[in-house]
Amino acid sequence: MTRHTDVAEPSGVAVRVRGLQKSYGAVYAVKGIDLNVRRGEIFGLLGPNGAGKSTTVEILQGNRARDGGEVSVLGWDPANAGRQERARVGIVWQDQSAPGDLTVREAVHHFARYYPDPRPPEEVIELVGLREKATSRIKTLSGGQRRRVDVALGVIGGPELLILDEPTTGFDPAARRQFWDLVRHLVAVDGTTVVLTTHYLGEAEALADRLAVIVGGKVVAEGTPAMLRGHLGDEVVVEWTDTGGRTRDLRTTTPARAVAHLMREFGGEVPGLRIDRPTLEDVYLHLTRQAARP
């Protein structure tokens, strides 16, 4: 049996994971994950369905026991967490939903009672942009508004660490960007540390300071979005339209030189000129396909 003990961490570390393992029968969900999440950063976990992301965050939150490895969350082991420790971690699950017959105000005030030192409920309602819906029953809200209620319940305890598991699933583009602004506010104003799982690569690139790509229960790449894009090298694609109206392209590591050559060739403006650099989605697909190879 694994013995879980609390571990004192450096002040700059919010989450430390070493050799994390979890299996369900003969199937390994997590196979030795190592992670460091710094205080005050947004750390993203990317990976296909079944990669081990949700299992990892469930272990961080203390809702699932691990089979092996070391885990420290804000300096304590989530396997041994008491009420005081758990109150320092907020979580918004993908399928979370508050009771529909309650109003927004009733739900936020009710859940505030579970915490020893909650944030003022009216302040939280304002924070998530639901002041005008405070007296509305949750079942009458739009999907995006209900998700804001979920976030309100996740932050009502004033958490130092907020875990967001696929938080914007089903959002329209406008609601998703409003949610991003809310997360940035929590980090910038409150100093909240955020661990985010998402399938939206644009969301990960827009929000995360650093990312880890998990495939088959293992971390296959980690770093800033710019560092991850470096996995495909420095090559970019220069595209233009030739004199016959055909689209041409050139892969090169010296795009400025290529564009200068084209400008001389065309005597100035280059028709249809585009320069495309590898996106995070390109890198993600490359990493997941590479990791899936036998």
Protein backbone atom coordinates (compact mmCIF):
# COMPACT_ATOMS: atom_id res chain seq x y z
CA MET A 1 0.00 0.00 0.00
CA THR A 2 1.23 3.49 -0.86
CA ARG A 3 1.87 5.65 2.20
CA HIS A 4 0.75 9.24 1.71
CA THR A 5 2.45 12.02 3.65
CA ASP A 6 2.30 15.79 3.43
CA VAL A 7 5.27 17.40 1.70
CA ALA A 8 6.57 20.92 2.28
CA GLU A 9 6.99 22.61 -1.09
CA PRO A 10 8.88 25.74 -2.12
CA SER A 11 6.70 28.85 -1.90
CA GLY A 12 6.57 29.19 -5.68
CA VAL A 13 5.08 25.72 -6.29
CA ALA A 14 1.32 25.11 -6.09
CA VAL A 15 1.19 21.53 -7.40
CA ARG A 16 3.97 18.96 -7.53
CA VAL A 17 3.40 15.49 -9.02
CA ARG A 18 6.04 12.78 -9.28
CA GLY A 19 5.55 9.31 -10.77
CA LEU A 20 1.75 9.44 -10.53
CA GLN A 21 0.09 6.11 -11.33
CA LYS A 22 -3.51 4.95 -11.48
CA SER A 23 -4.99 1.81 -13.01
CA TYR A 24 -8.43 0.28 -13.30
CA GLY A 25 -7.88 -3.43 -13.32
CA ALA A 26 -5.39 -4.17 -16.10
CA VAL A 27 -5.90 -0.77 -17.73
CA TYR A 28 -3.53 2.05 -16.77
CA ALA A 29 -5.14 5.51 -16.85
CA VAL A 30 -2.00 7.26 -15.61
CA LYS A 31 1.50 5.83 -16.12
CA GLY A 32 4.04 7.86 -14.16
CA ILE A 33 3.11 11.50 -14.73
CA ASP A 34 5.43 14.27 -13.47
CA LEU A 35 4.13 17.85 -13.20
CA ASN A 36 5.07 21.15 -11.57
CA VAL A 37 2.48 23.95 -11.46
CA ARG A 38 3.71 27.32 -10.26
CA ARG A 39 1.65 29.58 -8.05
CA GLY A 40 -0.29 32.20 -9.95
CA GLU A 41 -0.05 30.54 -13.37
CA ILE A 42 -2.59 28.95 -15.68
CA PHE A 43 -1.43 25.43 -16.45
CA GLY A 44 -3.20 23.53 -19.23
CA LEU A 45 -3.56 19.77 -19.64
CA LEU A 46 -4.17 18.64 -23.22
CA GLY A 47 -4.83 15.18 -24.56
CA PRO A 48 -7.38 12.98 -26.32
CA ASN A 49 -10.28 11.34 -24.51
CA GLY A 50 -9.02 8.62 -22.19
CA ALA A 51 -5.52 10.10 -21.99
CA GLY A 52 -5.65 10.43 -18.18
CA LYS A 53 -6.41 14.16 -17.79
CA SER A 54 -9.59 13.84 -15.73
CA THR A 55 -8.10 11.07 -13.58
CA THR A 56 -5.15 13.32 -12.83
CA VAL A 57 -7.27 16.28 -11.75
CA GLU A 58 -9.54 14.02 -9.68
CA ILE A 59 -6.44 12.84 -7.79
CA LEU A 60 -5.26 16.43 -7.32
CA GLN A 61 -8.65 17.35 -5.86
CA GLY A 62 -8.66 14.32 -3.56
CA ASN A 63 -11.72 12.68 -5.15
CA ARG A 64 -9.79 9.66 -6.42
CA ALA A 65 -7.10 7.56 -4.75
CA ARG A 66 -3.83 6.98 -6.59
CA ASP A 67 -1.93 3.72 -6.84
CA GLY A 68 1.54 5.21 -6.70
CA GLY A 69 3.66 8.32 -6.88
CA GLU A 70 3.86 11.54 -4.88
CA VAL A 71 1.36 14.41 -5.00
CA SER A 72 1.58 17.74 -3.20
CA VAL A 73 -1.17 20.36 -3.57
CA LEU A 74 -0.44 23.67 -1.82
CA GLY A 75 1.96 21.75 0.41
CA TRP A 76 -0.31 18.89 1.47
CA ASP A 77 -1.20 15.46 0.15
CA PRO A 78 -4.78 15.46 -1.21
CA ALA A 79 -5.18 11.85 -0.05
CA ASN A 80 -4.94 13.13 3.55
CA ALA A 81 -6.85 16.37 3.06
CA GLY A 82 -9.26 17.59 5.70
CA ARG A 83 -11.97 20.19 5.35
CA GLN A 84 -9.59 23.12 5.85
CA GLU A 85 -7.27 21.93 3.10
CA ARG A 86 -10.06 21.08 0.65
CA ALA A 87 -11.51 24.55 1.08
CA ARG A 88 -8.35 25.95 -0.52
CA VAL A 89 -9.10 24.13 -3.79
CA GLY A 90 -12.05 24.97 -6.03
CA ILE A 91 -13.17 22.79 -8.91
CA VAL A 92 -15.53 23.14 -11.85
CA TRP A 93 -16.32 19.77 -13.41
CA GLN A 94 -17.38 19.41 -17.03
CA ASP A 95 -20.85 18.11 -16.15
CA GLN A 96 -21.36 20.12 -12.95
CA SER A 97 -24.72 21.83 -12.51
CA ALA A 98 -26.35 23.50 -9.53
CA PRO A 99 -29.94 22.56 -8.54
CA GLY A 100 -32.21 24.06 -11.19
CA ASP A 101 -35.03 25.09 -8.86
CA LEU A 102 -32.77 27.41 -6.85
CA THR A 103 -32.16 30.98 -7.89
CA VAL A 104 -28.61 32.08 -8.58
CA ARG A 105 -28.53 33.98 -5.28
CA GLU A 106 -29.92 31.03 -3.29
CA ALA A 107 -27.38 28.61 -4.76
CA VAL A 108 -24.34 30.83 -4.16
CA HIS A 109 -25.41 31.73 -0.61
CA HIS A 110 -26.15 28.06 0.17
CA PHE A 111 -22.79 26.77 -1.04
CA ALA A 112 -20.95 29.55 0.82
CA ARG A 113 -21.99 27.84 4.06
CA TYR A 114 -19.76 24.86 3.27
CA TYR A 115 -16.57 26.94 3.60
CA PRO A 116 -14.87 28.29 6.73
CA ASP A 117 -14.04 31.66 5.16
CA PRO A 118 -16.07 32.14 1.95
CA ARG A 119 -15.98 35.12 -0.35
CA PRO A 120 -19.02 37.41 -0.01
CA PRO A 121 -21.72 35.71 -2.12
CA GLU A 122 -22.94 38.96 -3.68
CA GLU A 123 -19.36 39.79 -4.69
CA VAL A 124 -19.04 36.39 -6.38
CA ILE A 125 -22.34 36.84 -8.25
CA GLU A 126 -21.03 40.16 -9.53
CA LEU A 127 -17.66 38.64 -10.38
CA VAL A 128 -19.15 36.00 -12.69
CA GLY A 129 -21.41 38.52 -14.40
CA LEU A 130 -24.76 37.30 -13.04
CA ARG A 131 -25.91 40.27 -10.97
CA GLU A 132 -28.89 40.86 -13.28
CA LYS A 133 -29.79 37.16 -13.08
CA ALA A 134 -29.41 36.82 -9.31
CA THR A 135 -33.13 36.22 -8.73
CA SER A 136 -33.60 33.93 -11.75
CA ARG A 137 -34.00 30.20 -11.29
CA ILE A 138 -30.98 28.32 -12.60
CA LYS A 139 -33.08 26.09 -14.86
CA THR A 140 -34.19 29.20 -16.81
CA LEU A 141 -30.64 30.33 -17.61
CA SER A 142 -28.77 29.78 -20.86
CA GLY A 143 -26.01 27.19 -21.01
CA GLY A 144 -23.31 29.84 -20.69
CA GLN A 145 -25.05 31.44 -17.72
CA ARG A 146 -25.44 28.09 -15.94
CA ARG A 147 -21.72 27.53 -16.48
CA ARG A 148 -21.09 30.87 -14.79
CA VAL A 149 -23.07 29.60 -11.81
CA ASP A 150 -20.80 26.55 -11.72
CA VAL A 151 -17.77 28.85 -11.68
CA ALA A 152 -19.34 30.92 -8.88
CA LEU A 153 -19.69 27.75 -6.80
CA GLY A 154 -16.09 26.84 -7.63
CA VAL A 155 -14.68 30.15 -6.39
CA ILE A 156 -17.06 30.93 -3.49
CA GLY A 157 -14.60 29.40 -1.03
CA GLY A 158 -11.83 31.78 -2.15
CA PRO A 159 -9.61 28.95 -3.46
CA GLU A 160 -5.88 29.35 -3.96
CA LEU A 161 -6.07 26.66 -6.65
CA LEU A 162 -8.93 26.42 -9.16
CA ILE A 163 -9.32 23.27 -11.28
CA LEU A 164 -11.34 23.67 -14.48
CA ASP A 165 -12.24 20.44 -16.27
CA GLU A 166 -13.43 21.21 -19.83
CA PRO A 167 -15.07 24.42 -18.56
CA THR A 168 -16.37 25.86 -21.85
CA THR A 169 -17.84 22.77 -23.49
CA GLY A 170 -20.97 23.87 -25.33
CA PHE A 171 -20.17 27.58 -25.18
CA ASP A 172 -20.65 29.81 -28.19
CA PRO A 173 -17.58 31.89 -29.18
CA ALA A 174 -18.77 35.03 -27.36
CA ALA A 175 -19.49 33.16 -24.11
CA ARG A 176 -16.13 31.39 -24.33
CA ARG A 177 -14.22 34.67 -24.60
CA GLN A 178 -16.17 36.14 -21.68
CA PHE A 179 -15.21 33.09 -19.63
CA TRP A 180 -11.55 33.56 -20.56
CA ASP A 181 -11.73 37.14 -19.26
CA LEU A 182 -13.15 35.85 -15.98
CA VAL A 183 -10.31 33.33 -15.57
CA ARG A 184 -7.70 36.01 -16.35
CA HIS A 185 -9.32 38.26 -13.74
CA LEU A 186 -9.09 35.56 -11.05
CA VAL A 187 -5.40 35.09 -11.80
CA ALA A 188 -4.44 38.76 -12.17
CA VAL A 189 -6.48 40.18 -9.28
CA ASP A 190 -6.70 37.30 -6.79
CA GLY A 191 -3.47 35.46 -7.64
CA THR A 192 -5.41 32.24 -8.16
CA THR A 193 -3.53 29.28 -9.63
CA VAL A 194 -5.51 27.53 -12.37
CA VAL A 195 -5.22 23.99 -13.72
CA LEU A 196 -7.23 23.71 -16.93
CA THR A 197 -8.17 20.70 -19.06
CA THR A 198 -9.61 21.48 -22.47
CA HIS A 199 -10.12 20.09 -25.96
CA TYR A 200 -10.14 23.58 -27.45
CA LEU A 201 -6.61 24.28 -28.66
CA GLY A 202 -7.40 27.97 -29.16
CA GLU A 203 -8.52 28.16 -25.54
CA ALA A 204 -5.32 26.54 -24.33
CA GLU A 205 -3.20 28.91 -26.40
CA ALA A 206 -5.18 31.98 -25.29
CA LEU A 207 -5.15 31.18 -21.57
CA ALA A 208 -2.32 28.89 -20.53
CA ASP A 209 1.12 30.07 -19.43
CA ARG A 210 2.35 26.49 -19.78
CA LEU A 211 0.93 23.26 -21.16
CA ALA A 212 1.42 19.53 -20.80
CA VAL A 213 0.26 17.13 -23.50
CA ILE A 214 -0.84 13.77 -22.07
CA VAL A 215 -1.23 10.70 -24.27
CA GLY A 216 -1.83 7.20 -22.96
CA GLY A 217 -1.35 8.28 -19.35
CA LYS A 218 2.07 9.88 -19.97
CA VAL A 219 3.29 13.42 -20.49
CA VAL A 220 4.74 13.54 -24.01
CA ALA A 221 5.55 17.27 -24.09
CA GLU A 222 5.52 20.22 -21.70
CA GLY A 223 6.29 23.92 -21.96
CA THR A 224 4.91 27.26 -23.04
CA PRO A 225 2.74 27.32 -26.19
CA ALA A 226 5.69 28.85 -28.06
CA MET A 227 8.01 26.07 -26.84
CA LEU A 228 5.55 23.39 -27.93
CA ARG A 229 5.28 24.92 -31.38
CA GLY A 230 9.04 24.47 -31.58
CA HIS A 231 8.50 20.70 -31.79
CA LEU A 232 7.79 21.19 -35.49
CA GLY A 233 10.96 23.21 -35.95
CA ASP A 234 11.41 26.72 -37.31
CA GLU A 235 9.92 25.98 -40.70
CA VAL A 236 7.06 28.19 -41.96
CA VAL A 237 4.96 28.10 -45.12
CA VAL A 238 5.10 31.08 -47.50
CA GLU A 239 2.16 31.09 -49.90
CA TRP A 240 1.50 33.35 -52.91
CA THR A 241 -0.34 33.48 -56.26
CA ASP A 242 1.81 33.22 -59.38
CA THR A 243 1.29 35.11 -62.63
CA GLY A 244 -0.89 32.31 -63.94
CA GLY A 245 -3.28 32.62 -60.98
CA ARG A 246 -2.10 29.40 -59.35
CA THR A 247 -1.45 29.14 -55.61
CA ARG A 248 2.18 28.35 -54.84
CA ASP A 249 3.84 27.63 -51.51
CA LEU A 250 7.33 27.23 -50.11
CA ARG A 251 8.45 25.69 -46.82
CA THR A 252 11.39 27.62 -45.44
CA THR A 253 13.23 28.57 -42.26
CA THR A 254 14.07 32.00 -43.73
CA PRO A 255 10.70 33.56 -44.60
CA ALA A 256 12.01 37.14 -44.75
CA ARG A 257 14.51 36.14 -47.44
CA ALA A 258 11.82 34.28 -49.36
CA VAL A 259 9.45 37.26 -49.26
CA ALA A 260 12.23 39.65 -50.36
CA HIS A 261 12.92 37.38 -53.35
CA LEU A 262 9.23 37.30 -54.26
CA MET A 263 8.96 41.10 -54.01
CA ARG A 264 11.85 41.47 -56.47
CA GLU A 265 10.24 38.92 -58.76
CA PHE A 266 6.88 40.74 -58.76
CA GLY A 267 8.35 44.22 -58.64
CA GLY A 268 6.68 45.08 -55.35
CA GLU A 269 3.42 43.74 -53.90
CA VAL A 270 3.19 39.92 -53.88
CA PRO A 271 -0.33 38.72 -54.80
CA GLY A 272 -2.01 36.41 -52.29
CA LEU A 273 0.96 36.51 -49.91
CA ARG A 274 0.51 34.54 -46.69
CA ILE A 275 2.96 33.32 -44.08
CA ASP A 276 1.71 30.46 -41.93
CA ARG A 277 3.58 29.30 -38.84
CA PRO A 278 2.82 25.99 -37.09
CA THR A 279 -0.19 26.32 -34.81
CA LEU A 280 -0.67 24.66 -31.44
CA GLU A 281 -3.20 22.40 -33.15
CA ASP A 282 -0.54 21.29 -35.67
CA VAL A 283 1.82 20.47 -32.81
CA TYR A 284 -0.87 18.69 -30.78
CA LEU A 285 -1.85 16.46 -33.69
CA HIS A 286 1.81 15.71 -34.42
CA LEU A 287 2.53 14.77 -30.79
CA THR A 288 -0.56 12.61 -30.32
CA ARG A 289 -0.01 10.72 -33.57
CA GLN A 290 3.66 10.21 -32.77
CA ALA A 291 2.89 8.96 -29.26
CA ALA A 292 0.21 6.57 -30.55
CA ARG A 293 2.64 4.78 -32.87
CA PRO A 294 3.70 1.30 -31.71
